[in-house]
Amino acid sequence: MTKHVRRGLLAAAGLLAMTASGAAQAPQPPQFPNMTFFISSTPGQNGANFGGLEGADAHCQALATRAGAGAKTWRAYLSQQAMGGKPAVNARDRIGNGPWVNAAGVQIAASVADLHDPAKANINVNTGLTETNRMVMSRLFVVNYHDILTGSNADGTAPAGDKDQTCGNWTKGGEGSAIVGHHDRMGLNDSAEAKSWNSSHPSRGCDNASLRTTGGNGLLYCFAAQ
């Protein structure tokens, strides 16, 4: 073996070692395997158009998997209206029985009934955390993302199908509207709607820009259906 070949092999070995060392030191996303509830840290790519309930569920599942909780079956808290040949689906019927805890281990509800009881649901600016254990910007921040997509009545049921309130059953990313809830339980007044985590008001549109101007960012409540 010549000196030039030996030097080349040593250099290649050193480069491989440096690459392996760098890969080993690459930051990993935080892991919360015991988490059973979160608000999505990122919106979909096309506003409220997730390709239907299945696509929204897949978005929750992917985020949960990155956070180390992918062994569970995750569902987006979204209702589907009886329209366009589709049957009504209630958000409350999709998410299991509870209890649910956030990434910090804090219980947000013991059961479906408690979740839909305004006095017992523990979703607010401090407990409505993302899958990465971070707070979602609320009315207390300069930028407000407290509008979370639900398309649901306060009791977790689907609205009547005579008016689109689910952005075309989560297939519209432009014109349309969807019911949103306030994760921080804050609004312009002290009405029950303003303080509702799941049914506050309709959005101005279904595209990302309209959802932001309404006071949100196209985020979802994600629940482990256990």
C-alpha atoms as a PDB file:
ATOM      1  CA  MET A   1       0.000   0.000   0.000  1.00  0.00           C
ATOM      2  CA  THR A   2       1.454   3.352  -1.059  1.00  0.00           C
ATOM      3  CA  LYS A   3       1.707   6.351   1.215  1.00  0.00           C
ATOM      4  CA  HIS A   4      -0.869   8.219  -0.906  1.00  0.00           C
ATOM      5  CA  VAL A   5      -3.389   5.390  -0.644  1.00  0.00           C
ATOM      6  CA  ARG A   6      -2.810   5.055   3.125  1.00  0.00           C
ATOM      7  CA  ARG A   7      -3.316   8.781   3.622  1.00  0.00           C
ATOM      8  CA  GLY A   8      -6.496   8.654   1.555  1.00  0.00           C
ATOM      9  CA  LEU A   9      -7.902   5.827   3.648  1.00  0.00           C
ATOM     10  CA  LEU A  10      -7.048   7.596   6.889  1.00  0.00           C
ATOM     11  CA  ALA A  11      -8.696  10.788   5.668  1.00  0.00           C
ATOM     12  CA  ALA A  12     -11.826   8.902   4.646  1.00  0.00           C
ATOM     13  CA  ALA A  13     -11.955   7.160   8.012  1.00  0.00           C
ATOM     14  CA  GLY A  14     -11.626  10.486   9.788  1.00  0.00           C
ATOM     15  CA  LEU A  15     -14.418  11.988   7.696  1.00  0.00           C
ATOM     16  CA  LEU A  16     -16.696   9.050   8.503  1.00  0.00           C
ATOM     17  CA  ALA A  17     -15.931   9.428  12.201  1.00  0.00           C
ATOM     18  CA  MET A  18     -16.729  13.129  12.091  1.00  0.00           C
ATOM     19  CA  THR A  19     -19.992  12.444  10.219  1.00  0.00           C
ATOM     20  CA  ALA A  20     -21.009   9.779  12.715  1.00  0.00           C
ATOM     21  CA  SER A  21     -20.155  12.066  15.612  1.00  0.00           C
ATOM     22  CA  GLY A  22     -22.180  14.894  14.110  1.00  0.00           C
ATOM     23  CA  ALA A  23     -25.158  12.605  13.520  1.00  0.00           C
ATOM     24  CA  ALA A  24     -24.994  11.399  17.096  1.00  0.00           C
ATOM     25  CA  GLN A  25     -25.106  14.968  18.338  1.00  0.00           C
ATOM     26  CA  ALA A  26     -28.032  16.051  16.136  1.00  0.00           C
ATOM     27  CA  PRO A  27     -30.859  17.432  18.300  1.00  0.00           C
ATOM     28  CA  GLN A  28     -33.801  15.100  18.780  1.00  0.00           C
ATOM     29  CA  PRO A  29     -37.412  16.246  19.254  1.00  0.00           C
ATOM     30  CA  PRO A  30     -38.641  16.074  22.858  1.00  0.00           C
ATOM     31  CA  GLN A  31     -40.307  12.789  23.787  1.00  0.00           C
ATOM     32  CA  PHE A  32     -43.576  12.549  25.719  1.00  0.00           C
ATOM     33  CA  PRO A  33     -44.771   8.942  25.436  1.00  0.00           C
ATOM     34  CA  ASN A  34     -47.390   9.294  28.194  1.00  0.00           C
ATOM     35  CA  MET A  35     -49.108  12.274  26.566  1.00  0.00           C
ATOM     36  CA  THR A  36     -52.711  11.689  25.461  1.00  0.00           C
ATOM     37  CA  PHE A  37     -53.721  15.239  24.475  1.00  0.00           C
ATOM     38  CA  PHE A  38     -52.082  18.135  22.681  1.00  0.00           C
ATOM     39  CA  ILE A  39     -52.696  21.094  20.409  1.00  0.00           C
ATOM     40  CA  SER A  40     -50.891  20.662  17.113  1.00  0.00           C
ATOM     41  CA  SER A  41     -47.714  22.702  16.991  1.00  0.00           C
ATOM     42  CA  THR A  42     -48.045  23.222  13.236  1.00  0.00           C
ATOM     43  CA  PRO A  43     -51.022  23.762  10.918  1.00  0.00           C
ATOM     44  CA  GLY A  44     -51.821  21.785   7.806  1.00  0.00           C
ATOM     45  CA  GLN A  45     -50.307  22.826   4.502  1.00  0.00           C
ATOM     46  CA  ASN A  46     -53.591  24.045   3.039  1.00  0.00           C
ATOM     47  CA  GLY A  47     -55.531  25.827   5.762  1.00  0.00           C
ATOM     48  CA  ALA A  48     -58.510  23.820   6.959  1.00  0.00           C
ATOM     49  CA  ASN A  49     -58.238  21.409   4.031  1.00  0.00           C
ATOM     50  CA  PHE A  50     -56.858  18.238   5.566  1.00  0.00           C
ATOM     51  CA  GLY A  51     -58.460  15.963   2.991  1.00  0.00           C
ATOM     52  CA  GLY A  52     -61.260  15.109   5.422  1.00  0.00           C
ATOM     53  CA  LEU A  53     -61.212  13.628   8.907  1.00  0.00           C
ATOM     54  CA  GLU A  54     -58.700  10.952   7.911  1.00  0.00           C
ATOM     55  CA  GLY A  55     -56.147  13.522   6.856  1.00  0.00           C
ATOM     56  CA  ALA A  56     -56.603  15.506  10.056  1.00  0.00           C
ATOM     57  CA  ASP A  57     -56.131  12.325  12.089  1.00  0.00           C
ATOM     58  CA  ALA A  58     -52.967  11.584  10.139  1.00  0.00           C
ATOM     59  CA  HIS A  59     -51.641  15.058  10.950  1.00  0.00           C
ATOM     60  CA  CYS A  60     -52.169  14.421  14.676  1.00  0.00           C
ATOM     61  CA  GLN A  61     -50.644  10.942  14.395  1.00  0.00           C
ATOM     62  CA  ALA A  62     -47.509  12.239  12.667  1.00  0.00           C
ATOM     63  CA  LEU A  63     -46.915  14.930  15.282  1.00  0.00           C
ATOM     64  CA  ALA A  64     -47.519  12.455  18.111  1.00  0.00           C
ATOM     65  CA  THR A  65     -45.072  10.005  16.552  1.00  0.00           C
ATOM     66  CA  ARG A  66     -42.332  12.643  16.460  1.00  0.00           C
ATOM     67  CA  ALA A  67     -43.010  13.315  20.133  1.00  0.00           C
ATOM     68  CA  GLY A  68     -42.645   9.642  21.093  1.00  0.00           C
ATOM     69  CA  ALA A  69     -46.379   8.964  21.534  1.00  0.00           C
ATOM     70  CA  GLY A  70     -47.041   7.323  18.185  1.00  0.00           C
ATOM     71  CA  ALA A  71     -47.931   3.933  19.663  1.00  0.00           C
ATOM     72  CA  LYS A  72     -51.388   5.340  20.461  1.00  0.00           C
ATOM     73  CA  THR A  73     -54.188   5.955  17.958  1.00  0.00           C
ATOM     74  CA  TRP A  74     -54.636   9.710  17.599  1.00  0.00           C
ATOM     75  CA  ARG A  75     -57.723  11.556  16.427  1.00  0.00           C
ATOM     76  CA  ALA A  76     -58.347  15.197  15.628  1.00  0.00           C
ATOM     77  CA  TYR A  77     -61.170  16.775  17.612  1.00  0.00           C
ATOM     78  CA  LEU A  78     -63.275  17.606  14.556  1.00  0.00           C
ATOM     79  CA  SER A  79     -66.889  17.015  13.660  1.00  0.00           C
ATOM     80  CA  GLN A  80     -68.240  16.162  10.216  1.00  0.00           C
ATOM     81  CA  GLN A  81     -71.540  17.565   8.994  1.00  0.00           C
ATOM     82  CA  ALA A  82     -74.247  15.560   7.231  1.00  0.00           C
ATOM     83  CA  MET A  83     -73.826  17.036   3.778  1.00  0.00           C
ATOM     84  CA  GLY A  84     -72.345  16.177   0.420  1.00  0.00           C
ATOM     85  CA  GLY A  85     -73.327  12.553   0.861  1.00  0.00           C
ATOM     86  CA  LYS A  86     -71.420  12.213   4.123  1.00  0.00           C
ATOM     87  CA  PRO A  87     -73.038  11.292   7.449  1.00  0.00           C
ATOM     88  CA  ALA A  88     -72.746  13.442  10.548  1.00  0.00           C
ATOM     89  CA  VAL A  89     -69.847  12.541  12.839  1.00  0.00           C
ATOM     90  CA  ASN A  90     -69.514  14.025  16.313  1.00  0.00           C
ATOM     91  CA  ALA A  91     -66.077  15.086  17.534  1.00  0.00           C
ATOM     92  CA  ARG A  92     -66.901  13.801  21.019  1.00  0.00           C
ATOM     93  CA  ASP A  93     -67.486  10.289  19.652  1.00  0.00           C
ATOM     94  CA  ARG A  94     -64.089  10.062  17.964  1.00  0.00           C
ATOM     95  CA  ILE A  95     -61.654  10.613  20.811  1.00  0.00           C
ATOM     96  CA  GLY A  96     -62.090   7.690  23.189  1.00  0.00           C
ATOM     97  CA  ASN A  97     -63.199   7.800  26.804  1.00  0.00           C
ATOM     98  CA  GLY A  98     -60.330   9.528  28.627  1.00  0.00           C
ATOM     99  CA  PRO A  99     -58.755  10.471  30.892  1.00  0.00           C
ATOM    100  CA  TRP A 100     -56.383  12.688  28.925  1.00  0.00           C
ATOM    101  CA  VAL A 101     -53.162  14.363  30.004  1.00  0.00           C
ATOM    102  CA  ASN A 102     -50.964  16.908  28.251  1.00  0.00           C
ATOM    103  CA  ALA A 103     -47.219  16.689  27.621  1.00  0.00           C
ATOM    104  CA  ALA A 104     -46.550  18.008  31.130  1.00  0.00           C
ATOM    105  CA  GLY A 105     -48.633  15.204  32.662  1.00  0.00           C
ATOM    106  CA  VAL A 106     -51.490  17.513  33.706  1.00  0.00           C
ATOM    107  CA  GLN A 107     -54.971  16.041  33.309  1.00  0.00           C
ATOM    108  CA  ILE A 108     -57.216  18.098  31.081  1.00  0.00           C
ATOM    109  CA  ALA A 109     -60.325  15.945  31.509  1.00  0.00           C
ATOM    110  CA  ALA A 110     -61.237  12.672  33.215  1.00  0.00           C
ATOM    111  CA  SER A 111     -63.982  11.708  30.773  1.00  0.00           C
ATOM    112  CA  VAL A 112     -65.918  12.824  27.704  1.00  0.00           C
ATOM    113  CA  ALA A 113     -68.605  14.255  29.988  1.00  0.00           C
ATOM    114  CA  ASP A 114     -66.075  16.289  31.976  1.00  0.00           C
ATOM    115  CA  LEU A 115     -64.402  17.473  28.798  1.00  0.00           C
ATOM    116  CA  HIS A 116     -67.666  19.052  27.689  1.00  0.00           C
ATOM    117  CA  ASP A 117     -68.492  20.519  31.081  1.00  0.00           C
ATOM    118  CA  PRO A 118     -67.135  24.110  31.092  1.00  0.00           C
ATOM    119  CA  ALA A 119     -66.528  23.896  34.837  1.00  0.00           C
ATOM    120  CA  LYS A 120     -64.502  20.663  34.594  1.00  0.00           C
ATOM    121  CA  ALA A 121     -62.610  20.895  31.311  1.00  0.00           C
ATOM    122  CA  ASN A 122     -59.047  21.875  32.207  1.00  0.00           C
ATOM    123  CA  ILE A 123     -58.063  23.378  28.861  1.00  0.00           C
ATOM    124  CA  ASN A 124     -56.635  26.880  29.105  1.00  0.00           C
ATOM    125  CA  VAL A 125     -53.588  28.939  28.209  1.00  0.00           C
ATOM    126  CA  ASN A 126     -51.418  27.018  30.710  1.00  0.00           C
ATOM    127  CA  THR A 127     -52.616  23.478  29.968  1.00  0.00           C
ATOM    128  CA  GLY A 128     -53.365  23.701  26.241  1.00  0.00           C
ATOM    129  CA  LEU A 129     -49.852  22.632  25.299  1.00  0.00           C
ATOM    130  CA  THR A 130     -48.442  21.375  22.019  1.00  0.00           C
ATOM    131  CA  GLU A 131     -46.929  17.919  21.552  1.00  0.00           C
ATOM    132  CA  THR A 132     -43.552  19.544  22.241  1.00  0.00           C
ATOM    133  CA  ASN A 133     -44.733  20.813  25.656  1.00  0.00           C
ATOM    134  CA  ARG A 134     -44.917  24.428  24.538  1.00  0.00           C
ATOM    135  CA  MET A 135     -47.639  27.000  25.105  1.00  0.00           C
ATOM    136  CA  VAL A 136     -49.796  28.108  22.193  1.00  0.00           C
ATOM    137  CA  MET A 137     -49.875  31.869  21.703  1.00  0.00           C
ATOM    138  CA  SER A 138     -53.071  33.353  23.112  1.00  0.00           C
ATOM    139  CA  ARG A 139     -54.736  36.738  23.572  1.00  0.00           C
ATOM    140  CA  LEU A 140     -51.994  37.442  26.101  1.00  0.00           C
ATOM    141  CA  PHE A 141     -49.429  37.461  23.273  1.00  0.00           C
ATOM    142  CA  VAL A 142     -48.760  39.980  20.510  1.00  0.00           C
ATOM    143  CA  VAL A 143     -49.630  37.263  17.977  1.00  0.00           C
ATOM    144  CA  ASN A 144     -52.812  35.395  18.842  1.00  0.00           C
ATOM    145  CA  TYR A 145     -53.397  31.778  17.750  1.00  0.00           C
ATOM    146  CA  HIS A 146     -56.121  30.895  20.232  1.00  0.00           C
ATOM    147  CA  ASP A 147     -58.698  29.860  17.578  1.00  0.00           C
ATOM    148  CA  ILE A 148     -58.531  26.068  17.303  1.00  0.00           C
ATOM    149  CA  LEU A 149     -60.480  24.321  14.539  1.00  0.00           C
ATOM    150  CA  THR A 150     -63.319  22.081  15.766  1.00  0.00           C
ATOM    151  CA  GLY A 151     -66.396  22.423  13.558  1.00  0.00           C
ATOM    152  CA  SER A 152     -68.427  21.478  16.612  1.00  0.00           C
ATOM    153  CA  ASN A 153     -71.186  22.607  18.912  1.00  0.00           C
ATOM    154  CA  ALA A 154     -70.306  23.181  22.567  1.00  0.00           C
ATOM    155  CA  ASP A 155     -71.436  19.652  23.469  1.00  0.00           C
ATOM    156  CA  GLY A 156     -69.071  18.159  20.898  1.00  0.00           C
ATOM    157  CA  THR A 157     -71.723  17.305  18.315  1.00  0.00           C
ATOM    158  CA  ALA A 158     -71.758  18.155  14.637  1.00  0.00           C
ATOM    159  CA  PRO A 159     -73.682  21.256  13.530  1.00  0.00           C
ATOM    160  CA  ALA A 160     -76.697  20.866  11.261  1.00  0.00           C
ATOM    161  CA  GLY A 161     -75.837  20.377   7.609  1.00  0.00           C
ATOM    162  CA  ASP A 162     -77.808  23.319   6.238  1.00  0.00           C
ATOM    163  CA  LYS A 163     -74.808  25.659   6.522  1.00  0.00           C
ATOM    164  CA  ASP A 164     -71.130  24.879   6.062  1.00  0.00           C
ATOM    165  CA  GLN A 165     -69.419  25.170   9.431  1.00  0.00           C
ATOM    166  CA  THR A 166     -66.605  22.660   8.853  1.00  0.00           C
ATOM    167  CA  CYS A 167     -64.854  24.099   5.779  1.00  0.00           C
ATOM    168  CA  GLY A 168     -66.550  21.544   3.578  1.00  0.00           C
ATOM    169  CA  ASN A 169     -65.930  18.736   6.053  1.00  0.00           C
ATOM    170  CA  TRP A 170     -62.256  19.700   6.122  1.00  0.00           C
ATOM    171  CA  THR A 171     -61.751  19.714   2.364  1.00  0.00           C
ATOM    172  CA  LYS A 172     -61.715  23.492   1.730  1.00  0.00           C
ATOM    173  CA  GLY A 173     -58.591  25.608   1.924  1.00  0.00           C
ATOM    174  CA  GLY A 174     -60.065  28.819   0.522  1.00  0.00           C
ATOM    175  CA  GLU A 175     -63.568  30.200   0.826  1.00  0.00           C
ATOM    176  CA  GLY A 176     -65.805  28.826   3.556  1.00  0.00           C
ATOM    177  CA  SER A 177     -65.932  28.793   7.324  1.00  0.00           C
ATOM    178  CA  ALA A 178     -65.489  26.529  10.321  1.00  0.00           C
ATOM    179  CA  ILE A 179     -66.377  26.768  13.979  1.00  0.00           C
ATOM    180  CA  VAL A 180     -63.374  27.378  16.210  1.00  0.00           C
ATOM    181  CA  GLY A 181     -62.853  27.286  19.965  1.00  0.00           C
ATOM    182  CA  HIS A 182     -60.656  29.434  22.224  1.00  0.00           C
ATOM    183  CA  HIS A 183     -57.978  27.294  23.840  1.00  0.00           C
ATOM    184  CA  ASP A 184     -57.194  30.127  26.292  1.00  0.00           C
ATOM    185  CA  ARG A 185     -60.873  30.490  27.268  1.00  0.00           C
ATOM    186  CA  MET A 186     -60.629  34.231  26.538  1.00  0.00           C
ATOM    187  CA  GLY A 187     -62.616  36.473  24.230  1.00  0.00           C
ATOM    188  CA  LEU A 188     -63.983  39.966  23.735  1.00  0.00           C
ATOM    189  CA  ASN A 189     -66.471  39.511  26.572  1.00  0.00           C
ATOM    190  CA  ASP A 190     -67.497  37.099  29.331  1.00  0.00           C
ATOM    191  CA  SER A 191     -70.040  35.155  27.296  1.00  0.00           C
ATOM    192  CA  ALA A 192     -70.072  31.370  27.306  1.00  0.00           C
ATOM    193  CA  GLU A 193     -69.011  31.366  23.645  1.00  0.00           C
ATOM    194  CA  ALA A 194     -66.000  33.585  24.267  1.00  0.00           C
ATOM    195  CA  LYS A 195     -64.853  31.269  27.037  1.00  0.00           C
ATOM    196  CA  SER A 196     -65.548  28.052  25.145  1.00  0.00           C
ATOM    197  CA  TRP A 197     -62.564  25.887  24.276  1.00  0.00           C
ATOM    198  CA  ASN A 198     -64.430  24.168  21.430  1.00  0.00           C
ATOM    199  CA  SER A 199     -67.257  26.364  20.082  1.00  0.00           C
ATOM    200  CA  SER A 200     -66.693  30.120  20.064  1.00  0.00           C
ATOM    201  CA  HIS A 201     -67.386  31.512  16.575  1.00  0.00           C
ATOM    202  CA  PRO A 202     -66.964  30.844  12.854  1.00  0.00           C
ATOM    203  CA  SER A 203     -63.705  31.566  11.059  1.00  0.00           C
ATOM    204  CA  ARG A 204     -63.466  34.222   8.348  1.00  0.00           C
ATOM    205  CA  GLY A 205     -62.335  31.666   5.797  1.00  0.00           C
ATOM    206  CA  CYS A 206     -60.621  28.313   5.352  1.00  0.00           C
ATOM    207  CA  ASP A 207     -57.228  29.412   3.999  1.00  0.00           C
ATOM    208  CA  ASN A 208     -54.234  29.944   6.248  1.00  0.00           C
ATOM    209  CA  ALA A 209     -54.294  33.738   5.893  1.00  0.00           C
ATOM    210  CA  SER A 210     -57.977  34.006   6.830  1.00  0.00           C
ATOM    211  CA  LEU A 211     -57.570  31.652   9.763  1.00  0.00           C
ATOM    212  CA  ARG A 212     -54.745  33.835  11.082  1.00  0.00           C
ATOM    213  CA  THR A 213     -56.700  37.075  10.711  1.00  0.00           C
ATOM    214  CA  THR A 214     -59.550  35.484  12.651  1.00  0.00           C
ATOM    215  CA  GLY A 215     -57.201  34.787  15.564  1.00  0.00           C
ATOM    216  CA  GLY A 216     -55.838  31.338  14.860  1.00  0.00           C
ATOM    217  CA  ASN A 217     -53.369  29.355  12.806  1.00  0.00           C
ATOM    218  CA  GLY A 218     -55.316  26.315  11.605  1.00  0.00           C
ATOM    219  CA  LEU A 219     -54.308  24.279  14.655  1.00  0.00           C
ATOM    220  CA  LEU A 220     -56.077  21.158  15.935  1.00  0.00           C
ATOM    221  CA  TYR A 221     -56.887  19.540  19.240  1.00  0.00           C
ATOM    222  CA  CYS A 222     -55.453  16.014  19.134  1.00  0.00           C
ATOM    223  CA  PHE A 223     -56.630  13.241  21.468  1.00  0.00           C
ATOM    224  CA  ALA A 224     -55.429   9.689  21.993  1.00  0.00           C
ATOM    225  CA  ALA A 225     -58.473   7.455  21.471  1.00  0.00           C
ATOM    226  CA  GLN A 226     -57.761   4.845  24.130  1.00  0.00           C
END
